[in-house]
Amino acid sequence: MKISYYKAHSTERPLEVDTTSSKNGVYLRKNIQEIQQETQEGGTETIYEYDEAYLTNSEYAAYSDIDNLTMTALDFIKVLEAFGITRQEIHTYLDANPYIKDELTYCQNVYCGVVKQFCPATIGTTTVTTQMVENAFRAKLEIV
């Protein structure tokens, strides 16, 4: 799922995540800017301009619940490779950390079972954080 944002504006400051305005979905808003605008009467008023997207309730559930996304060990290795970490660096790190190697080998969902537990981790010259892994995995699944 790729989230498509469009330009919007309001006279009231909007919520970044609005779960109440629609019973069928959720509005996501980002880049909220407060702007002073001249009125027809010569005064000024405050308006808010922002980027907005609408997700159905099921789309929002998939977007917001990264903990329930299943990331296999191979998914995790591919994410690490996307950061420029080589397989040799991964093997060296795992050999130095046998507990993590076991967890990575036997865990069904390595995001919850391994990544969240052991990050940040420095592999080779790269320090990997949970946020980096989450963002890369969201991009892979096109949940951006």
C-alpha atoms as a PDB file:
ATOM      1  CA  MET A   1       0.000   0.000   0.000  1.00  0.00           C
ATOM      2  CA  LYS A   2       1.410   3.355  -1.004  1.00  0.00           C
ATOM      3  CA  ILE A   3      -0.082   6.304   0.815  1.00  0.00           C
ATOM      4  CA  SER A   4      -1.020   9.220  -1.437  1.00  0.00           C
ATOM      5  CA  TYR A   5      -1.048  12.634   0.188  1.00  0.00           C
ATOM      6  CA  TYR A   6      -2.822  15.702  -1.194  1.00  0.00           C
ATOM      7  CA  LYS A   7      -2.693  19.379  -0.164  1.00  0.00           C
ATOM      8  CA  ALA A   8      -5.373  20.504   2.271  1.00  0.00           C
ATOM      9  CA  HIS A   9      -6.128  23.459   4.520  1.00  0.00           C
ATOM     10  CA  SER A  10      -8.266  24.305   7.509  1.00  0.00           C
ATOM     11  CA  THR A  11      -8.996  27.196   9.847  1.00  0.00           C
ATOM     12  CA  GLU A  12      -8.491  24.855  12.811  1.00  0.00           C
ATOM     13  CA  ARG A  13      -5.246  23.039  13.581  1.00  0.00           C
ATOM     14  CA  PRO A  14      -5.813  19.448  12.435  1.00  0.00           C
ATOM     15  CA  LEU A  15      -4.793  16.296  14.263  1.00  0.00           C
ATOM     16  CA  GLU A  16      -1.863  14.420  12.717  1.00  0.00           C
ATOM     17  CA  VAL A  17      -3.815  11.175  13.069  1.00  0.00           C
ATOM     18  CA  ASP A  18      -7.566  11.733  13.000  1.00  0.00           C
ATOM     19  CA  THR A  19      -9.534   8.615  13.880  1.00  0.00           C
ATOM     20  CA  THR A  20     -12.815  10.371  14.711  1.00  0.00           C
ATOM     21  CA  SER A  21     -13.835  12.462  11.679  1.00  0.00           C
ATOM     22  CA  SER A  22     -14.823   9.423   9.615  1.00  0.00           C
ATOM     23  CA  LYS A  23     -16.317   6.165  10.827  1.00  0.00           C
ATOM     24  CA  ASN A  24     -14.901   4.362   7.754  1.00  0.00           C
ATOM     25  CA  GLY A  25     -11.292   5.487   7.909  1.00  0.00           C
ATOM     26  CA  VAL A  26      -8.474   7.609   9.246  1.00  0.00           C
ATOM     27  CA  TYR A  27      -6.939  10.871   8.058  1.00  0.00           C
ATOM     28  CA  LEU A  28      -3.158  11.132   8.244  1.00  0.00           C
ATOM     29  CA  ARG A  29      -1.676  14.610   8.132  1.00  0.00           C
ATOM     30  CA  LYS A  30       1.905  15.837   7.945  1.00  0.00           C
ATOM     31  CA  ASN A  31       3.853  19.037   7.216  1.00  0.00           C
ATOM     32  CA  ILE A  32       1.288  21.132   9.093  1.00  0.00           C
ATOM     33  CA  GLN A  33       2.087  24.832   8.730  1.00  0.00           C
ATOM     34  CA  GLU A  34       0.391  27.745  10.450  1.00  0.00           C
ATOM     35  CA  ILE A  35      -0.071  30.632   8.022  1.00  0.00           C
ATOM     36  CA  GLN A  36      -1.349  34.169   8.579  1.00  0.00           C
ATOM     37  CA  GLN A  37      -3.634  35.174   5.742  1.00  0.00           C
ATOM     38  CA  GLU A  38      -5.220  38.527   4.968  1.00  0.00           C
ATOM     39  CA  THR A  39      -9.015  38.587   5.085  1.00  0.00           C
ATOM     40  CA  GLN A  40     -11.295  40.498   2.691  1.00  0.00           C
ATOM     41  CA  GLU A  41     -12.004  42.928   5.520  1.00  0.00           C
ATOM     42  CA  GLY A  42      -8.310  43.821   5.776  1.00  0.00           C
ATOM     43  CA  GLY A  43      -7.557  41.832   8.913  1.00  0.00           C
ATOM     44  CA  THR A  44      -5.652  38.613   9.267  1.00  0.00           C
ATOM     45  CA  GLU A  45      -6.677  35.073  10.074  1.00  0.00           C
ATOM     46  CA  THR A  46      -4.780  31.917  10.838  1.00  0.00           C
ATOM     47  CA  ILE A  47      -5.106  28.963   8.519  1.00  0.00           C
ATOM     48  CA  TYR A  48      -3.312  25.645   8.480  1.00  0.00           C
ATOM     49  CA  GLU A  49      -1.935  24.079   5.330  1.00  0.00           C
ATOM     50  CA  TYR A  50      -0.828  20.450   5.320  1.00  0.00           C
ATOM     51  CA  ASP A  51      -0.514  17.223   3.393  1.00  0.00           C
ATOM     52  CA  GLU A  52      -3.376  14.814   4.022  1.00  0.00           C
ATOM     53  CA  ALA A  53      -4.115  11.192   3.189  1.00  0.00           C
ATOM     54  CA  TYR A  54      -7.174   9.082   3.834  1.00  0.00           C
ATOM     55  CA  LEU A  55      -6.863   5.401   4.715  1.00  0.00           C
ATOM     56  CA  THR A  56      -9.671   2.940   5.219  1.00  0.00           C
ATOM     57  CA  ASN A  57      -9.777   1.369   8.665  1.00  0.00           C
ATOM     58  CA  SER A  58      -8.175  -1.848   7.364  1.00  0.00           C
ATOM     59  CA  GLU A  59      -5.439   0.092   5.527  1.00  0.00           C
ATOM     60  CA  TYR A  60      -4.717   2.076   8.682  1.00  0.00           C
ATOM     61  CA  ALA A  61      -4.551  -1.112  10.751  1.00  0.00           C
ATOM     62  CA  ALA A  62      -1.894  -2.489   8.387  1.00  0.00           C
ATOM     63  CA  TYR A  63      -0.032   0.835   8.357  1.00  0.00           C
ATOM     64  CA  SER A  64      -0.038   1.431  12.097  1.00  0.00           C
ATOM     65  CA  ASP A  65       0.578  -2.082  13.363  1.00  0.00           C
ATOM     66  CA  ILE A  66       4.207  -2.695  12.306  1.00  0.00           C
ATOM     67  CA  ASP A  67       4.673  -5.076  15.259  1.00  0.00           C
ATOM     68  CA  ASN A  68       2.341  -7.563  13.631  1.00  0.00           C
ATOM     69  CA  LEU A  69       4.098  -7.491  10.274  1.00  0.00           C
ATOM     70  CA  THR A  70       5.971 -10.700   9.740  1.00  0.00           C
ATOM     71  CA  MET A  71       9.635 -10.218   8.932  1.00  0.00           C
ATOM     72  CA  THR A  72      11.574 -13.382   8.244  1.00  0.00           C
ATOM     73  CA  ALA A  73      15.307 -13.748   8.833  1.00  0.00           C
ATOM     74  CA  LEU A  74      15.851 -13.398   5.074  1.00  0.00           C
ATOM     75  CA  ASP A  75      13.772 -10.181   5.035  1.00  0.00           C
ATOM     76  CA  PHE A  76      15.999  -8.820   7.801  1.00  0.00           C
ATOM     77  CA  ILE A  77      19.193  -9.789   5.975  1.00  0.00           C
ATOM     78  CA  LYS A  78      17.900  -8.091   2.800  1.00  0.00           C
ATOM     79  CA  VAL A  79      17.187  -4.942   4.819  1.00  0.00           C
ATOM     80  CA  LEU A  80      20.724  -5.015   6.246  1.00  0.00           C
ATOM     81  CA  GLU A  81      22.135  -5.447   2.743  1.00  0.00           C
ATOM     82  CA  ALA A  82      20.094  -2.440   1.604  1.00  0.00           C
ATOM     83  CA  PHE A  83      22.046  -0.420   4.204  1.00  0.00           C
ATOM     84  CA  GLY A  84      25.291  -1.536   2.540  1.00  0.00           C
ATOM     85  CA  ILE A  85      26.134  -4.221   5.091  1.00  0.00           C
ATOM     86  CA  THR A  86      27.774  -7.242   3.453  1.00  0.00           C
ATOM     87  CA  ARG A  87      26.893 -10.858   4.162  1.00  0.00           C
ATOM     88  CA  GLN A  88      30.404 -11.317   5.557  1.00  0.00           C
ATOM     89  CA  GLU A  89      29.829  -8.483   8.047  1.00  0.00           C
ATOM     90  CA  ILE A  90      26.496 -10.069   9.013  1.00  0.00           C
ATOM     91  CA  HIS A  91      28.140 -13.477   9.565  1.00  0.00           C
ATOM     92  CA  THR A  92      30.977 -11.915  11.583  1.00  0.00           C
ATOM     93  CA  TYR A  93      28.466 -10.090  13.779  1.00  0.00           C
ATOM     94  CA  LEU A  94      26.355 -13.223  14.290  1.00  0.00           C
ATOM     95  CA  ASP A  95      29.412 -15.351  15.081  1.00  0.00           C
ATOM     96  CA  ALA A  96      30.368 -12.815  17.766  1.00  0.00           C
ATOM     97  CA  ASN A  97      26.786 -12.826  19.126  1.00  0.00           C
ATOM     98  CA  PRO A  98      25.616 -16.465  19.247  1.00  0.00           C
ATOM     99  CA  TYR A  99      22.451 -15.636  21.198  1.00  0.00           C
ATOM    100  CA  ILE A 100      21.303 -13.274  18.453  1.00  0.00           C
ATOM    101  CA  LYS A 101      22.286 -15.867  15.835  1.00  0.00           C
ATOM    102  CA  ASP A 102      20.083 -18.469  17.568  1.00  0.00           C
ATOM    103  CA  GLU A 103      17.192 -16.032  17.849  1.00  0.00           C
ATOM    104  CA  LEU A 104      17.527 -15.080  14.193  1.00  0.00           C
ATOM    105  CA  THR A 105      17.629 -18.739  13.192  1.00  0.00           C
ATOM    106  CA  TYR A 106      14.632 -19.942  15.214  1.00  0.00           C
ATOM    107  CA  CYS A 107      12.360 -16.910  15.529  1.00  0.00           C
ATOM    108  CA  GLN A 108       9.267 -16.743  13.299  1.00  0.00           C
ATOM    109  CA  ASN A 109       8.981 -12.951  13.290  1.00  0.00           C
ATOM    110  CA  VAL A 110      12.430 -11.458  13.625  1.00  0.00           C
ATOM    111  CA  TYR A 111      11.135  -7.874  13.813  1.00  0.00           C
ATOM    112  CA  CYS A 112       9.460  -8.524  17.169  1.00  0.00           C
ATOM    113  CA  GLY A 113      11.744 -11.311  18.344  1.00  0.00           C
ATOM    114  CA  VAL A 114      15.151 -10.014  17.297  1.00  0.00           C
ATOM    115  CA  VAL A 115      15.262  -6.507  15.850  1.00  0.00           C
ATOM    116  CA  LYS A 116      13.350  -4.749  18.629  1.00  0.00           C
ATOM    117  CA  GLN A 117      15.320  -6.644  21.269  1.00  0.00           C
ATOM    118  CA  PHE A 118      18.858  -6.103  20.024  1.00  0.00           C
ATOM    119  CA  CYS A 119      18.893  -2.804  18.134  1.00  0.00           C
ATOM    120  CA  PRO A 120      20.707  -0.554  18.020  1.00  0.00           C
ATOM    121  CA  ALA A 121      23.460  -2.877  16.815  1.00  0.00           C
ATOM    122  CA  THR A 122      26.674  -1.990  15.032  1.00  0.00           C
ATOM    123  CA  ILE A 123      27.312  -4.379  12.165  1.00  0.00           C
ATOM    124  CA  GLY A 124      30.495  -3.612  10.287  1.00  0.00           C
ATOM    125  CA  THR A 125      30.632   0.164  10.285  1.00  0.00           C
ATOM    126  CA  THR A 126      26.859   0.697  10.287  1.00  0.00           C
ATOM    127  CA  THR A 127      24.758   1.181  13.395  1.00  0.00           C
ATOM    128  CA  VAL A 128      21.334  -0.276  12.724  1.00  0.00           C
ATOM    129  CA  THR A 129      18.334   1.074  14.656  1.00  0.00           C
ATOM    130  CA  THR A 130      14.811  -0.283  14.888  1.00  0.00           C
ATOM    131  CA  GLN A 131      13.583   2.857  13.101  1.00  0.00           C
ATOM    132  CA  MET A 132      15.915   2.177  10.159  1.00  0.00           C
ATOM    133  CA  VAL A 133      14.702  -1.423   9.902  1.00  0.00           C
ATOM    134  CA  GLU A 134      11.056  -0.425  10.242  1.00  0.00           C
ATOM    135  CA  ASN A 135      11.340   2.260   7.542  1.00  0.00           C
ATOM    136  CA  ALA A 136      13.145  -0.086   5.149  1.00  0.00           C
ATOM    137  CA  PHE A 137      10.641  -2.872   5.740  1.00  0.00           C
ATOM    138  CA  ARG A 138       7.686  -0.494   5.287  1.00  0.00           C
ATOM    139  CA  ALA A 139       9.238   0.651   1.991  1.00  0.00           C
ATOM    140  CA  LYS A 140       9.707  -2.971   0.886  1.00  0.00           C
ATOM    141  CA  LEU A 141       6.018  -3.632   1.583  1.00  0.00           C
ATOM    142  CA  GLU A 142       5.078  -0.263   0.057  1.00  0.00           C
ATOM    143  CA  ILE A 143       3.610   0.926   3.355  1.00  0.00           C
ATOM    144  CA  VAL A 144       5.183   4.347   3.154  1.00  0.00           C
END
